Amino acid sequence: MVETNQASGFWPSLYSPLRGMGTRIAEWLSPASDASSDEDAYRISIELPGVSEKDINVTAESGMLVVSGEKTSEREDKGDTWYFSERQYGSFRRSFRLPADADEAAISAQVKDGVLDIAVPRKKPEASSATSIPVKKG
């Protein structure tokens, strides 16, 4: 005889609308990014629509590049007999581990049309200064 538990079927359907809500919130608060590199630099582009440059912080320390800030969205509509207002606020933070040849002191960032572009120059390889070590007979 197979026993069915009606409660197990009920609870998943009750929580179905909430499933994935955390992912949707994280996506809104964690902006999408692209990373690439060429001979001269590493480049990171982060989508930050509606975020002002004064609300963006870019820091580099100990091999980590951190982009953080405050994302706000406000909408207000009025009509003769109605009024609609909506506000959303939240902070975001993205971290990127920098390669060993990244020049942290020369990083530049620019925001334009809702996209933050970060250039991380590569350090020029130091010339190898090999030292000849004499071998003595022991």
N, C-alpha and C. Protein backbone atom coordinates (compact mmCIF):
# COMPACT_ATOMS: atom_id res chain seq x y z
N MET A 1 0.84 -1.18 0.00
CA MET A 1 0.00 0.00 0.00
C MET A 1 0.89 1.24 0.00
N VAL A 2 0.61 2.19 -0.88
CA VAL A 2 1.37 3.42 -0.97
C VAL A 2 0.64 4.49 -0.19
N GLU A 3 1.36 5.10 0.74
CA GLU A 3 0.77 6.15 1.57
C GLU A 3 1.15 7.51 1.00
N THR A 4 0.18 8.35 0.81
CA THR A 4 0.47 9.70 0.30
C THR A 4 0.30 10.70 1.41
N ASN A 5 1.13 11.67 1.39
CA ASN A 5 1.08 12.72 2.40
C ASN A 5 0.59 13.99 1.71
N GLN A 6 -0.64 14.37 1.95
CA GLN A 6 -1.20 15.54 1.30
C GLN A 6 -0.47 16.81 1.69
N ALA A 7 0.06 16.87 2.89
CA ALA A 7 0.78 18.08 3.33
C ALA A 7 2.02 18.33 2.48
N SER A 8 2.72 17.24 2.07
CA SER A 8 3.92 17.44 1.28
C SER A 8 3.59 18.05 -0.08
N GLY A 9 2.42 17.75 -0.62
CA GLY A 9 2.02 18.35 -1.88
C GLY A 9 1.55 19.78 -1.71
N PHE A 10 1.03 20.10 -0.55
CA PHE A 10 0.49 21.44 -0.31
C PHE A 10 1.59 22.48 -0.09
N TRP A 11 2.58 22.14 0.74
CA TRP A 11 3.61 23.12 1.09
C TRP A 11 4.44 23.60 -0.10
N PRO A 12 4.89 22.70 -0.97
CA PRO A 12 5.66 23.22 -2.11
C PRO A 12 4.85 24.21 -2.96
N SER A 13 3.55 23.95 -3.15
CA SER A 13 2.77 24.87 -3.97
C SER A 13 2.55 26.19 -3.25
N LEU A 14 2.50 26.17 -1.93
CA LEU A 14 2.33 27.40 -1.18
C LEU A 14 3.56 28.30 -1.33
N TYR A 15 4.75 27.70 -1.34
CA TYR A 15 5.99 28.47 -1.42
C TYR A 15 6.48 28.70 -2.84
N SER A 16 5.83 28.15 -3.84
CA SER A 16 6.26 28.30 -5.23
C SER A 16 6.45 29.75 -5.65
N PRO A 17 5.53 30.66 -5.33
CA PRO A 17 5.75 32.05 -5.75
C PRO A 17 6.99 32.68 -5.12
N LEU A 18 7.38 32.19 -3.94
CA LEU A 18 8.53 32.77 -3.23
C LEU A 18 9.85 32.15 -3.69
N ARG A 19 9.77 30.96 -4.30
CA ARG A 19 10.98 30.27 -4.75
C ARG A 19 11.69 31.14 -5.79
N GLY A 20 12.96 31.34 -5.63
CA GLY A 20 13.72 32.14 -6.58
C GLY A 20 13.72 33.63 -6.26
N MET A 21 12.96 34.05 -5.24
CA MET A 21 12.91 35.47 -4.90
C MET A 21 14.28 35.97 -4.48
N GLY A 22 15.00 35.17 -3.70
CA GLY A 22 16.35 35.57 -3.27
C GLY A 22 17.28 35.77 -4.45
N THR A 23 17.16 34.91 -5.46
CA THR A 23 17.98 35.05 -6.66
C THR A 23 17.64 36.33 -7.40
N ARG A 24 16.36 36.63 -7.51
CA ARG A 24 15.95 37.86 -8.21
C ARG A 24 16.44 39.09 -7.46
N ILE A 25 16.36 39.09 -6.14
CA ILE A 25 16.84 40.22 -5.35
C ILE A 25 18.36 40.35 -5.50
N ALA A 26 19.08 39.24 -5.44
CA ALA A 26 20.54 39.26 -5.58
C ALA A 26 20.94 39.77 -6.96
N GLU A 27 20.19 39.38 -8.01
CA GLU A 27 20.50 39.88 -9.35
C GLU A 27 20.30 41.38 -9.43
N TRP A 28 19.29 41.91 -8.77
CA TRP A 28 19.04 43.35 -8.81
C TRP A 28 20.13 44.09 -8.05
N LEU A 29 20.57 43.51 -6.93
CA LEU A 29 21.57 44.18 -6.10
C LEU A 29 23.00 43.86 -6.53
N SER A 30 23.22 42.84 -7.34
CA SER A 30 24.55 42.47 -7.80
C SER A 30 24.58 42.66 -9.31
N PRO A 31 25.10 43.77 -9.77
CA PRO A 31 25.04 44.08 -11.20
C PRO A 31 25.84 43.12 -12.07
N ALA A 32 25.37 42.95 -13.30
CA ALA A 32 26.05 42.09 -14.27
C ALA A 32 27.37 42.72 -14.68
N SER A 33 28.35 41.86 -14.98
CA SER A 33 29.66 42.36 -15.37
C SER A 33 30.28 41.50 -16.46
N ASP A 34 31.20 42.09 -17.19
CA ASP A 34 32.00 41.39 -18.20
C ASP A 34 33.46 41.71 -17.93
N ALA A 35 34.32 40.74 -18.15
CA ALA A 35 35.75 40.97 -17.97
C ALA A 35 36.49 40.46 -19.21
N SER A 36 37.53 41.19 -19.58
CA SER A 36 38.36 40.80 -20.71
C SER A 36 39.78 41.30 -20.45
N SER A 37 40.69 40.92 -21.34
CA SER A 37 42.07 41.40 -21.20
C SER A 37 42.71 41.47 -22.57
N ASP A 38 43.76 42.28 -22.64
CA ASP A 38 44.60 42.36 -23.82
C ASP A 38 46.04 42.48 -23.33
N GLU A 39 46.95 42.78 -24.23
CA GLU A 39 48.36 42.87 -23.84
C GLU A 39 48.65 43.92 -22.78
N ASP A 40 47.87 45.01 -22.81
CA ASP A 40 48.16 46.15 -21.95
C ASP A 40 47.38 46.20 -20.65
N ALA A 41 46.14 45.65 -20.64
CA ALA A 41 45.29 45.84 -19.46
C ALA A 41 44.21 44.78 -19.35
N TYR A 42 43.68 44.69 -18.14
CA TYR A 42 42.47 43.92 -17.87
C TYR A 42 41.33 44.93 -17.88
N ARG A 43 40.19 44.54 -18.43
CA ARG A 43 39.06 45.47 -18.52
C ARG A 43 37.82 44.82 -17.93
N ILE A 44 37.12 45.59 -17.12
CA ILE A 44 35.89 45.12 -16.49
C ILE A 44 34.80 46.14 -16.78
N SER A 45 33.65 45.66 -17.26
CA SER A 45 32.49 46.51 -17.49
C SER A 45 31.36 46.01 -16.60
N ILE A 46 30.74 46.94 -15.89
CA ILE A 46 29.66 46.58 -14.97
C ILE A 46 28.44 47.42 -15.30
N GLU A 47 27.30 46.77 -15.45
CA GLU A 47 26.06 47.47 -15.76
C GLU A 47 25.49 48.11 -14.49
N LEU A 48 25.37 49.43 -14.50
CA LEU A 48 24.83 50.16 -13.36
C LEU A 48 23.83 51.22 -13.83
N PRO A 49 22.74 50.80 -14.50
CA PRO A 49 21.79 51.79 -15.01
C PRO A 49 21.16 52.59 -13.87
N GLY A 50 21.10 53.88 -14.06
CA GLY A 50 20.48 54.76 -13.07
C GLY A 50 21.33 55.06 -11.86
N VAL A 51 22.57 54.60 -11.83
CA VAL A 51 23.45 54.85 -10.68
C VAL A 51 24.39 55.99 -11.05
N SER A 52 24.42 57.02 -10.22
CA SER A 52 25.28 58.18 -10.43
C SER A 52 26.71 57.86 -10.02
N GLU A 53 27.68 58.53 -10.66
CA GLU A 53 29.09 58.29 -10.33
C GLU A 53 29.38 58.60 -8.87
N LYS A 54 28.63 59.51 -8.25
CA LYS A 54 28.88 59.84 -6.84
C LYS A 54 28.43 58.70 -5.91
N ASP A 55 27.62 57.77 -6.43
CA ASP A 55 27.14 56.64 -5.63
C ASP A 55 27.93 55.37 -5.86
N ILE A 56 29.06 55.46 -6.60
CA ILE A 56 29.89 54.30 -6.92
C ILE A 56 31.24 54.44 -6.23
N ASN A 57 31.69 53.37 -5.57
CA ASN A 57 33.01 53.34 -4.94
C ASN A 57 33.82 52.21 -5.58
N VAL A 58 35.03 52.54 -6.03
CA VAL A 58 35.93 51.54 -6.59
C VAL A 58 37.21 51.58 -5.77
N THR A 59 37.59 50.43 -5.20
CA THR A 59 38.82 50.36 -4.40
C THR A 59 39.63 49.13 -4.83
N ALA A 60 40.92 49.23 -4.65
CA ALA A 60 41.82 48.11 -4.93
C ALA A 60 42.80 48.00 -3.77
N GLU A 61 42.91 46.78 -3.25
CA GLU A 61 43.84 46.56 -2.14
C GLU A 61 44.16 45.08 -2.04
N SER A 62 45.41 44.79 -1.87
CA SER A 62 45.88 43.41 -1.65
C SER A 62 45.38 42.44 -2.71
N GLY A 63 45.40 42.86 -3.96
CA GLY A 63 45.02 41.97 -5.04
C GLY A 63 43.53 41.82 -5.27
N MET A 64 42.72 42.67 -4.64
CA MET A 64 41.26 42.62 -4.82
C MET A 64 40.76 43.97 -5.32
N LEU A 65 39.90 43.93 -6.32
CA LEU A 65 39.21 45.12 -6.81
C LEU A 65 37.76 45.00 -6.34
N VAL A 66 37.28 46.02 -5.64
CA VAL A 66 35.92 45.99 -5.09
C VAL A 66 35.14 47.19 -5.64
N VAL A 67 33.98 46.89 -6.20
CA VAL A 67 33.07 47.92 -6.69
C VAL A 67 31.82 47.83 -5.82
N SER A 68 31.47 48.94 -5.18
CA SER A 68 30.29 48.95 -4.32
C SER A 68 29.57 50.28 -4.49
N GLY A 69 28.37 50.33 -3.96
CA GLY A 69 27.62 51.56 -4.05
C GLY A 69 26.17 51.39 -3.67
N GLU A 70 25.41 52.40 -3.99
CA GLU A 70 23.99 52.45 -3.64
C GLU A 70 23.19 52.57 -4.93
N LYS A 71 22.22 51.69 -5.08
CA LYS A 71 21.36 51.70 -6.25
C LYS A 71 19.96 52.12 -5.81
N THR A 72 19.46 53.18 -6.41
CA THR A 72 18.12 53.66 -6.05
C THR A 72 17.28 53.81 -7.31
N SER A 73 16.02 53.60 -7.15
CA SER A 73 15.09 53.75 -8.27
C SER A 73 13.81 54.37 -7.73
N GLU A 74 13.40 55.45 -8.36
CA GLU A 74 12.16 56.12 -7.94
C GLU A 74 11.30 56.39 -9.16
N ARG A 75 10.01 56.20 -9.00
CA ARG A 75 9.07 56.46 -10.08
C ARG A 75 7.83 57.10 -9.50
N GLU A 76 7.39 58.15 -10.15
CA GLU A 76 6.20 58.86 -9.68
C GLU A 76 5.37 59.28 -10.89
N ASP A 77 4.11 58.90 -10.89
CA ASP A 77 3.18 59.26 -11.95
C ASP A 77 1.94 59.88 -11.32
N LYS A 78 1.41 60.90 -11.98
CA LYS A 78 0.20 61.57 -11.47
C LYS A 78 -0.79 61.72 -12.62
N GLY A 79 -2.03 61.64 -12.27
CA GLY A 79 -3.12 61.89 -13.21
C GLY A 79 -4.14 62.79 -12.55
N ASP A 80 -5.22 63.05 -13.23
CA ASP A 80 -6.27 63.90 -12.66
C ASP A 80 -6.87 63.29 -11.40
N THR A 81 -7.06 61.97 -11.41
CA THR A 81 -7.73 61.33 -10.28
C THR A 81 -6.89 60.25 -9.63
N TRP A 82 -5.60 60.16 -9.98
CA TRP A 82 -4.79 59.09 -9.40
C TRP A 82 -3.34 59.56 -9.19
N TYR A 83 -2.65 58.80 -8.37
CA TYR A 83 -1.25 59.09 -8.03
C TYR A 83 -0.55 57.75 -7.80
N PHE A 84 0.63 57.56 -8.40
CA PHE A 84 1.41 56.34 -8.24
C PHE A 84 2.85 56.71 -7.89
N SER A 85 3.37 56.10 -6.85
CA SER A 85 4.75 56.35 -6.43
C SER A 85 5.39 55.02 -6.03
N GLU A 86 6.61 54.79 -6.51
CA GLU A 86 7.31 53.55 -6.19
C GLU A 86 8.79 53.88 -5.98
N ARG A 87 9.38 53.30 -4.94
CA ARG A 87 10.80 53.52 -4.65
C ARG A 87 11.45 52.18 -4.32
N GLN A 88 12.68 52.01 -4.82
CA GLN A 88 13.48 50.83 -4.50
C GLN A 88 14.88 51.29 -4.15
N TYR A 89 15.43 50.75 -3.07
CA TYR A 89 16.76 51.13 -2.61
C TYR A 89 17.54 49.87 -2.29
N GLY A 90 18.83 49.92 -2.47
CA GLY A 90 19.67 48.80 -2.08
C GLY A 90 21.12 49.06 -2.40
N SER A 91 21.99 48.42 -1.65
CA SER A 91 23.41 48.57 -1.93
C SER A 91 23.89 47.36 -2.72
N PHE A 92 24.97 47.53 -3.45
CA PHE A 92 25.54 46.44 -4.23
C PHE A 92 27.03 46.38 -3.96
N ARG A 93 27.61 45.21 -4.27
CA ARG A 93 29.05 45.01 -4.08
C ARG A 93 29.49 43.87 -4.99
N ARG A 94 30.53 44.12 -5.76
CA ARG A 94 31.15 43.09 -6.60
C ARG A 94 32.64 43.10 -6.30
N SER A 95 33.22 41.92 -6.19
CA SER A 95 34.66 41.80 -5.92
C SER A 95 35.32 40.99 -7.03
N PHE A 96 36.52 41.40 -7.39
CA PHE A 96 37.28 40.72 -8.43
C PHE A 96 38.71 40.51 -7.93
N ARG A 97 39.20 39.29 -8.01
CA ARG A 97 40.60 39.02 -7.65
C ARG A 97 41.46 39.44 -8.83
N LEU A 98 42.45 40.27 -8.55
CA LEU A 98 43.34 40.76 -9.61
C LEU A 98 44.51 39.81 -9.83
N PRO A 99 44.92 39.65 -11.08
CA PRO A 99 46.10 38.82 -11.36
C PRO A 99 47.36 39.46 -10.79
N ALA A 100 48.40 38.67 -10.67
CA ALA A 100 49.65 39.14 -10.06
C ALA A 100 50.28 40.30 -10.83
N ASP A 101 50.05 40.37 -12.14
CA ASP A 101 50.69 41.44 -12.92
C ASP A 101 49.81 42.70 -13.04
N ALA A 102 48.74 42.78 -12.27
CA ALA A 102 47.88 43.98 -12.28
C ALA A 102 48.55 45.12 -11.54
N ASP A 103 48.48 46.32 -12.12
CA ASP A 103 49.07 47.51 -11.52
C ASP A 103 47.97 48.26 -10.75
N GLU A 104 47.82 47.95 -9.48
CA GLU A 104 46.75 48.54 -8.65
C GLU A 104 46.82 50.06 -8.59
N ALA A 105 48.02 50.62 -8.64
CA ALA A 105 48.20 52.06 -8.51
C ALA A 105 47.74 52.83 -9.75
N ALA A 106 47.52 52.15 -10.87
CA ALA A 106 47.19 52.84 -12.12
C ALA A 106 45.79 52.52 -12.63
N ILE A 107 44.92 51.96 -11.79
CA ILE A 107 43.56 51.60 -12.20
C ILE A 107 42.75 52.87 -12.47
N SER A 108 41.95 52.83 -13.55
CA SER A 108 41.07 53.96 -13.85
C SER A 108 39.65 53.44 -14.04
N ALA A 109 38.66 54.30 -13.73
CA ALA A 109 37.26 53.93 -13.86
C ALA A 109 36.48 55.10 -14.44
N GLN A 110 35.51 54.77 -15.30
CA GLN A 110 34.69 55.79 -15.93
C GLN A 110 33.29 55.23 -16.11
N VAL A 111 32.26 56.03 -15.78
CA VAL A 111 30.88 55.60 -15.99
C VAL A 111 30.27 56.44 -17.11
N LYS A 112 29.59 55.74 -18.02
CA LYS A 112 28.94 56.42 -19.14
C LYS A 112 27.75 55.59 -19.57
N ASP A 113 26.61 56.24 -19.71
CA ASP A 113 25.38 55.58 -20.17
C ASP A 113 25.04 54.35 -19.34
N GLY A 114 25.25 54.42 -18.03
CA GLY A 114 24.88 53.32 -17.15
C GLY A 114 25.84 52.15 -17.12
N VAL A 115 27.02 52.31 -17.71
CA VAL A 115 28.02 51.24 -17.71
C VAL A 115 29.31 51.79 -17.10
N LEU A 116 29.81 51.09 -16.08
CA LEU A 116 31.08 51.45 -15.45
C LEU A 116 32.17 50.64 -16.14
N ASP A 117 33.14 51.34 -16.73
CA ASP A 117 34.28 50.69 -17.37
C ASP A 117 35.51 50.90 -16.52
N ILE A 118 36.17 49.80 -16.16
CA ILE A 118 37.37 49.85 -15.32
C ILE A 118 38.52 49.27 -16.13
N ALA A 119 39.64 49.99 -16.16
CA ALA A 119 40.85 49.52 -16.83
C ALA A 119 41.91 49.28 -15.76
N VAL A 120 42.45 48.07 -15.75
CA VAL A 120 43.51 47.70 -14.81
C VAL A 120 44.76 47.40 -15.64
N PRO A 121 45.68 48.37 -15.72
CA PRO A 121 46.89 48.15 -16.53
C PRO A 121 47.72 46.98 -16.00
N ARG A 122 48.39 46.34 -16.93
CA ARG A 122 49.32 45.26 -16.56
C ARG A 122 50.69 45.87 -16.29
N LYS A 123 51.36 45.35 -15.28
CA LYS A 123 52.74 45.78 -15.02
C LYS A 123 53.62 45.22 -16.13
N LYS A 124 54.57 46.03 -16.52
CA LYS A 124 55.55 45.56 -17.51
C LYS A 124 56.45 44.54 -16.84
N PRO A 125 56.74 43.44 -17.52
CA PRO A 125 57.63 42.45 -16.89
C PRO A 125 59.01 43.04 -16.65
N GLU A 126 59.51 42.79 -15.47
CA GLU A 126 60.85 43.30 -15.13
C GLU A 126 61.89 42.48 -15.89
N ALA A 127 62.90 43.19 -16.31
CA ALA A 127 63.98 42.50 -17.02
C ALA A 127 64.66 41.53 -16.05
N SER A 128 64.86 40.35 -16.52
CA SER A 128 65.50 39.34 -15.70
C SER A 128 66.97 39.70 -15.53
N SER A 129 67.39 39.80 -14.31
CA SER A 129 68.80 40.09 -14.06
C SER A 129 69.43 38.85 -13.43
N ALA A 130 69.77 37.93 -14.29
CA ALA A 130 70.37 36.70 -13.83
C ALA A 130 71.77 36.98 -13.30
N THR A 131 72.08 36.38 -12.21
CA THR A 131 73.40 36.53 -11.61
C THR A 131 74.14 35.20 -11.72
N SER A 132 75.31 35.29 -12.21
CA SER A 132 76.13 34.09 -12.34
C SER A 132 76.76 33.79 -10.97
N ILE A 133 76.61 32.58 -10.54
CA ILE A 133 77.13 32.16 -9.23
C ILE A 133 78.29 31.18 -9.48
N PRO A 134 79.47 31.55 -9.01
CA PRO A 134 80.62 30.64 -9.23
C PRO A 134 80.48 29.37 -8.37
N VAL A 135 80.87 28.29 -8.95
CA VAL A 135 80.85 27.01 -8.26
C VAL A 135 82.27 26.69 -7.83
N LYS A 136 82.48 26.45 -6.55
CA LYS A 136 83.81 26.16 -6.02
C LYS A 136 83.95 24.68 -5.72
N LYS A 137 85.14 24.24 -5.82
CA LYS A 137 85.44 22.85 -5.48
C LYS A 137 85.50 22.72 -3.96
N GLY A 138 84.80 21.76 -3.39
CA GLY A 138 84.71 21.62 -1.95
C GLY A 138 85.67 20.71 -1.38
